[in-house]
C-alpha atoms as a PDB file:
ATOM      1  CA  MET A   1       1.941  86.375 250.742  1.00  0.00           C
ATOM      2  CA  ILE A   2       3.390  84.097 248.081  1.00  0.00           C
ATOM      3  CA  LYS A   3       3.461  80.586 249.458  1.00  0.00           C
ATOM      4  CA  PRO A   4       5.001  77.329 248.232  1.00  0.00           C
ATOM      5  CA  PHE A   5       2.511  75.267 246.268  1.00  0.00           C
ATOM      6  CA  PRO A   6       3.071  71.782 244.856  1.00  0.00           C
ATOM      7  CA  VAL A   7       3.347  71.798 241.078  1.00  0.00           C
ATOM      8  CA  ASP A   8       0.116  70.307 239.813  1.00  0.00           C
ATOM      9  CA  GLY A   9      -0.521  70.016 236.092  1.00  0.00           C
ATOM     10  CA  SER A  10      -4.291  70.039 236.542  1.00  0.00           C
ATOM     11  CA  SER A  11      -4.177  73.371 238.413  1.00  0.00           C
ATOM     12  CA  ILE A  12      -1.997  74.869 235.688  1.00  0.00           C
ATOM     13  CA  GLU A  13      -4.326  73.583 232.955  1.00  0.00           C
ATOM     14  CA  ARG A  14      -7.377  74.898 234.807  1.00  0.00           C
ATOM     15  CA  GLU A  15      -5.808  78.380 235.015  1.00  0.00           C
ATOM     16  CA  LEU A  16      -4.857  78.306 231.331  1.00  0.00           C
ATOM     17  CA  ALA A  17      -8.374  77.217 230.364  1.00  0.00           C
ATOM     18  CA  GLY A  18      -9.863  80.007 232.478  1.00  0.00           C
ATOM     19  CA  SER A  19      -7.499  82.479 230.870  1.00  0.00           C
ATOM     20  CA  HIS A  20      -8.483  81.313 227.389  1.00  0.00           C
ATOM     21  CA  ASN A  21     -12.214  81.452 228.185  1.00  0.00           C
ATOM     22  CA  ASP A  22     -11.951  84.939 229.673  1.00  0.00           C
ATOM     23  CA  LEU A  23      -9.980  86.188 226.669  1.00  0.00           C
ATOM     24  CA  ASN A  24     -12.585  84.825 224.236  1.00  0.00           C
ATOM     25  CA  ALA A  25     -15.389  86.388 226.280  1.00  0.00           C
ATOM     26  CA  ALA A  26     -13.525  89.720 226.293  1.00  0.00           C
ATOM     27  CA  ARG A  27     -13.270  89.589 222.491  1.00  0.00           C
ATOM     28  CA  GLU A  28     -16.992  88.932 222.191  1.00  0.00           C
ATOM     29  CA  ASN A  29     -17.788  91.746 224.599  1.00  0.00           C
ATOM     30  CA  VAL A  30     -15.628  94.266 222.735  1.00  0.00           C
ATOM     31  CA  SER A  31     -17.418  93.288 219.518  1.00  0.00           C
ATOM     32  CA  GLY A  32     -20.782  93.586 221.242  1.00  0.00           C
ATOM     33  CA  GLY A  33     -20.083  96.952 222.848  1.00  0.00           C
ATOM     34  CA  GLU A  34     -19.961  95.569 226.398  1.00  0.00           C
ATOM     35  CA  TYR A  35     -16.820  97.495 227.270  1.00  0.00           C
ATOM     36  CA  LEU A  36     -16.983  97.202 231.050  1.00  0.00           C
ATOM     37  CA  TRP A  37     -17.097  93.404 230.869  1.00  0.00           C
ATOM     38  CA  ALA A  38     -14.444  93.295 228.161  1.00  0.00           C
ATOM     39  CA  ILE A  39     -12.060  95.118 230.495  1.00  0.00           C
ATOM     40  CA  VAL A  40     -12.931  92.900 233.455  1.00  0.00           C
ATOM     41  CA  GLN A  41     -12.512  89.702 231.457  1.00  0.00           C
ATOM     42  CA  SER A  42      -9.287  90.916 229.838  1.00  0.00           C
ATOM     43  CA  TYR A  43      -7.833  91.474 233.291  1.00  0.00           C
ATOM     44  CA  TYR A  44      -8.938  88.101 234.610  1.00  0.00           C
ATOM     45  CA  SER A  45      -7.536  86.455 231.521  1.00  0.00           C
ATOM     46  CA  MET A  46      -4.162  87.982 232.381  1.00  0.00           C
ATOM     47  CA  PHE A  47      -4.527  87.097 236.052  1.00  0.00           C
ATOM     48  CA  HIS A  48      -5.194  83.422 235.304  1.00  0.00           C
ATOM     49  CA  ALA A  49      -2.353  83.232 232.771  1.00  0.00           C
ATOM     50  CA  ALA A  50       0.083  84.679 235.313  1.00  0.00           C
ATOM     51  CA  ARG A  51      -1.285  82.379 237.977  1.00  0.00           C
ATOM     52  CA  ALA A  52      -0.548  79.372 235.742  1.00  0.00           C
ATOM     53  CA  ILE A  53       3.095  80.451 235.610  1.00  0.00           C
ATOM     54  CA  LEU A  54       3.143  81.040 239.358  1.00  0.00           C
ATOM     55  CA  TYR A  55       1.789  77.514 239.918  1.00  0.00           C
ATOM     56  CA  ASN A  56       4.295  76.124 237.429  1.00  0.00           C
ATOM     57  CA  GLU A  57       7.079  77.706 239.510  1.00  0.00           C
ATOM     58  CA  GLY A  58       5.738  76.021 242.653  1.00  0.00           C
ATOM     59  CA  TYR A  59       4.002  78.983 244.287  1.00  0.00           C
ATOM     60  CA  ARG A  60       0.537  80.315 245.041  1.00  0.00           C
ATOM     61  CA  GLU A  61      -0.437  83.922 245.688  1.00  0.00           C
ATOM     62  CA  LYS A  62      -2.749  85.318 248.339  1.00  0.00           C
ATOM     63  CA  SER A  63      -3.629  88.592 246.569  1.00  0.00           C
ATOM     64  CA  HIS A  64      -3.676  90.238 243.170  1.00  0.00           C
ATOM     65  CA  GLN A  65      -0.749  92.450 244.213  1.00  0.00           C
ATOM     66  CA  CYS A  66       1.294  89.293 244.755  1.00  0.00           C
ATOM     67  CA  VAL A  67       0.903  88.485 241.071  1.00  0.00           C
ATOM     68  CA  GLU A  68       2.409  91.883 240.287  1.00  0.00           C
ATOM     69  CA  ILE A  69       5.327  91.134 242.611  1.00  0.00           C
ATOM     70  CA  PHE A  70       5.829  87.786 240.893  1.00  0.00           C
ATOM     71  CA  LEU A  71       5.822  89.467 237.464  1.00  0.00           C
ATOM     72  CA  LYS A  72       8.469  91.929 238.677  1.00  0.00           C
ATOM     73  CA  LYS A  73      10.576  88.929 239.675  1.00  0.00           C
ATOM     74  CA  LEU A  74      10.196  87.486 236.172  1.00  0.00           C
ATOM     75  CA  VAL A  75      11.368  90.848 234.807  1.00  0.00           C
ATOM     76  CA  SER A  76      14.371  90.984 237.135  1.00  0.00           C
ATOM     77  CA  ASP A  77      15.282  87.415 236.150  1.00  0.00           C
ATOM     78  CA  GLY A  78      15.186  88.453 232.488  1.00  0.00           C
ATOM     79  CA  ARG A  79      12.361  86.050 231.678  1.00  0.00           C
ATOM     80  CA  ILE A  80       9.890  88.704 230.509  1.00  0.00           C
ATOM     81  CA  ASP A  81      10.130  92.300 229.337  1.00  0.00           C
ATOM     82  CA  GLN A  82       9.038  95.078 231.684  1.00  0.00           C
ATOM     83  CA  ARG A  83       6.117  95.898 229.416  1.00  0.00           C
ATOM     84  CA  TYR A  84       4.293  92.712 230.422  1.00  0.00           C
ATOM     85  CA  ALA A  85       4.407  93.635 234.102  1.00  0.00           C
ATOM     86  CA  ASP A  86       3.392  97.209 233.221  1.00  0.00           C
ATOM     87  CA  ASP A  87       0.514  95.981 231.048  1.00  0.00           C
ATOM     88  CA  PHE A  88      -0.757  93.762 233.858  1.00  0.00           C
ATOM     89  CA  THR A  89      -0.744  96.700 236.264  1.00  0.00           C
ATOM     90  CA  ALA A  90      -2.408  99.008 233.733  1.00  0.00           C
ATOM     91  CA  VAL A  91      -5.199  96.564 232.930  1.00  0.00           C
ATOM     92  CA  ARG A  92      -5.730  95.862 236.648  1.00  0.00           C
ATOM     93  CA  HIS A  93      -6.126  99.590 237.169  1.00  0.00           C
ATOM     94  CA  MET A  94      -8.593  99.844 234.250  1.00  0.00           C
ATOM     95  CA  ARG A  95     -10.533  96.927 235.713  1.00  0.00           C
ATOM     96  CA  GLU A  96     -10.759  98.652 239.090  1.00  0.00           C
ATOM     97  CA  LEU A  97     -11.960 101.889 237.483  1.00  0.00           C
ATOM     98  CA  ALA A  98     -14.531  99.992 235.418  1.00  0.00           C
ATOM     99  CA  ASN A  99     -15.779  97.947 238.378  1.00  0.00           C
ATOM    100  CA  TYR A 100     -15.782 100.511 241.146  1.00  0.00           C
ATOM    101  CA  ASP A 101     -16.207 103.851 239.382  1.00  0.00           C
ATOM    102  CA  LEU A 102     -18.032 102.692 236.240  1.00  0.00           C
ATOM    103  CA  ALA A 103     -15.335 104.517 234.291  1.00  0.00           C
ATOM    104  CA  TYR A 104     -14.650 102.663 231.041  1.00  0.00           C
ATOM    105  CA  SER A 105     -14.548 103.245 227.310  1.00  0.00           C
ATOM    106  CA  ARG A 106     -14.257 101.435 224.034  1.00  0.00           C
ATOM    107  CA  GLU A 107     -10.627 102.565 223.811  1.00  0.00           C
ATOM    108  CA  ASN A 108      -9.794 101.116 227.250  1.00  0.00           C
ATOM    109  CA  ALA A 109     -11.570  97.885 226.349  1.00  0.00           C
ATOM    110  CA  GLU A 110      -9.586  97.563 223.120  1.00  0.00           C
ATOM    111  CA  VAL A 111      -6.286  98.349 224.873  1.00  0.00           C
ATOM    112  CA  SER A 112      -7.102  95.854 227.630  1.00  0.00           C
ATOM    113  CA  LEU A 113      -7.930  93.162 225.106  1.00  0.00           C
ATOM    114  CA  ARG A 114      -4.780  93.759 223.066  1.00  0.00           C
ATOM    115  CA  ASN A 115      -2.603  93.747 226.196  1.00  0.00           C
ATOM    116  CA  ALA A 116      -4.296  90.591 227.481  1.00  0.00           C
ATOM    117  CA  SER A 117      -3.786  88.767 224.196  1.00  0.00           C
ATOM    118  CA  GLU A 118      -0.074  89.628 224.046  1.00  0.00           C
ATOM    119  CA  PHE A 119       0.395  88.924 227.756  1.00  0.00           C
ATOM    120  CA  ASN A 120      -1.239  85.517 227.463  1.00  0.00           C
ATOM    121  CA  ASP A 121       0.926  84.556 224.504  1.00  0.00           C
ATOM    122  CA  ARG A 122       4.024  85.494 226.498  1.00  0.00           C
ATOM    123  CA  MET A 123       2.933  83.638 229.637  1.00  0.00           C
ATOM    124  CA  ARG A 124       2.160  80.504 227.630  1.00  0.00           C
ATOM    125  CA  SER A 125       5.598  80.673 226.013  1.00  0.00           C
ATOM    126  CA  LEU A 126       7.144  80.377 229.494  1.00  0.00           C
ATOM    127  CA  LEU A 127       5.590  76.935 229.867  1.00  0.00           C
ATOM    128  CA  LYS A 128       7.339  75.501 226.797  1.00  0.00           C
END
């Protein structure tokens, strides 16, 4: 479910902008005590950052699990450490618990935000 996709700078920039906006919103929501939304936005910040790299490589995904598969490929190629793929999976799981079970906490929001910030920095470094 990962398909070839023509490299398009505007698509990459749009994903990076979305990632940046979601990360800023997550920060504001942690500060404001909106922990559910902080977790959700942290995850989507990571998703859009990873998607920018996927697009940059000439591919497009058809599901969120495909992004995880792509991250595992980056790990196996030695381009990122395993922790980034693990963090993506962990924050996706926290997002699902927050969205579907209304199970969230300040601690999970702070962990999600920290992971998203580090993940985004690493994804952006792959574009340089």
